[in-house]
Amino acid sequence: MGFLAFLLLGLIAGSIAKLILPGRQNGGWFSTLILGVVGAMLGGWLGSVLFNAPLEEFFSIQTWLVAIGGSLIVLLIYGALVTSRRP
């Protein structure tokens, strides 16, 4: 998968993860892109280690599920860190 396709995958996976999680998450499209790309990388790594399901092709359902799952994990961690810093 190319670099631009990976960025697009991260942006869409991050957006879907934000839609799935309840509540109001702060940040715009750039933070969604960053968290989505980090989540896609985490999901690809976890998928390859645990299930032998790495990120392979852009139009593969396996790639999308792994990327969205990783983005959900990253958004949960990010939300826990941000809310714990607020007074």
Protein backbone atom coordinates (compact mmCIF):
# COMPACT_ATOMS: atom_id res chain seq x y z
CA MET A 1 0.00 0.00 0.00
CA GLY A 2 1.36 3.42 -0.91
CA PHE A 3 2.00 6.29 1.46
CA LEU A 4 -0.96 8.40 0.29
CA ALA A 5 -3.29 5.40 0.46
CA PHE A 6 -2.09 4.76 4.01
CA LEU A 7 -2.82 8.39 4.96
CA LEU A 8 -6.28 8.16 3.42
CA LEU A 9 -6.89 4.88 5.24
CA GLY A 10 -5.83 6.49 8.52
CA LEU A 11 -8.05 9.53 7.99
CA ILE A 12 -11.12 7.45 7.18
CA ALA A 13 -10.43 4.88 9.93
CA GLY A 14 -9.95 7.69 12.47
CA SER A 15 -13.21 9.32 11.38
CA ILE A 16 -15.11 6.06 11.65
CA ALA A 17 -13.59 5.41 15.08
CA LYS A 18 -14.69 8.89 16.22
CA LEU A 19 -18.21 8.12 15.00
CA ILE A 20 -18.27 4.78 16.85
CA LEU A 21 -17.07 6.14 20.19
CA PRO A 22 -19.70 7.94 22.23
CA GLY A 23 -19.12 11.43 23.56
CA ARG A 24 -17.44 14.50 22.18
CA GLN A 25 -13.81 14.16 21.14
CA ASN A 26 -11.78 17.29 20.68
CA GLY A 27 -9.69 17.92 17.61
CA GLY A 28 -10.20 18.60 13.97
CA TRP A 29 -9.34 16.76 10.80
CA PHE A 30 -5.58 16.96 11.39
CA SER A 31 -5.75 15.29 14.81
CA THR A 32 -8.12 12.72 13.31
CA LEU A 33 -5.55 12.05 10.59
CA ILE A 34 -2.69 11.67 13.07
CA LEU A 35 -4.66 9.47 15.48
CA GLY A 36 -6.06 7.44 12.59
CA VAL A 37 -2.62 6.80 11.06
CA VAL A 38 -1.17 5.87 14.45
CA GLY A 39 -4.20 3.64 15.04
CA ALA A 40 -3.84 2.01 11.63
CA MET A 41 -0.17 1.31 12.36
CA LEU A 42 -1.04 -0.10 15.79
CA GLY A 43 -3.88 -2.14 14.33
CA GLY A 44 -1.67 -3.47 11.55
CA TRP A 45 1.01 -4.46 14.04
CA LEU A 46 -1.46 -6.09 16.46
CA GLY A 47 -3.28 -7.79 13.60
CA SER A 48 -0.06 -9.28 12.25
CA VAL A 49 1.13 -10.40 15.69
CA LEU A 50 -2.13 -11.78 17.09
CA PHE A 51 -4.17 -12.87 14.08
CA ASN A 52 -1.67 -12.99 11.20
CA ALA A 53 -3.79 -10.29 9.51
CA PRO A 54 -1.52 -7.36 8.50
CA LEU A 55 -2.48 -4.30 6.47
CA GLU A 56 -2.15 -5.50 2.90
CA GLU A 57 -4.49 -4.01 0.30
CA PHE A 58 -6.49 -0.81 0.47
CA PHE A 59 -9.79 -2.40 -0.58
CA SER A 60 -9.54 -5.41 1.74
CA ILE A 61 -12.15 -5.66 4.52
CA GLN A 62 -9.47 -7.17 6.74
CA THR A 63 -7.34 -4.04 6.33
CA TRP A 64 -10.24 -1.75 7.22
CA LEU A 65 -11.29 -3.76 10.29
CA VAL A 66 -7.74 -3.86 11.62
CA ALA A 67 -7.22 -0.13 10.99
CA ILE A 68 -10.52 0.86 12.61
CA GLY A 69 -9.83 -1.40 15.59
CA GLY A 70 -6.42 0.17 16.08
CA SER A 71 -7.90 3.66 15.74
CA LEU A 72 -10.48 2.84 18.40
CA ILE A 73 -7.72 1.76 20.77
CA VAL A 74 -5.70 4.92 20.12
CA LEU A 75 -8.76 7.16 20.55
CA LEU A 76 -9.62 5.48 23.85
CA ILE A 77 -6.07 6.00 25.13
CA TYR A 78 -6.03 9.60 23.85
CA GLY A 79 -9.40 10.30 25.47
CA ALA A 80 -8.23 8.87 28.79
CA LEU A 81 -5.09 11.01 28.73
CA VAL A 82 -6.88 14.23 27.76
CA THR A 83 -9.72 13.89 30.25
CA SER A 84 -7.33 13.06 33.11
CA ARG A 85 -5.48 16.36 32.54
CA ARG A 86 -8.58 18.52 32.80
CA PRO A 87 -9.34 20.03 36.23
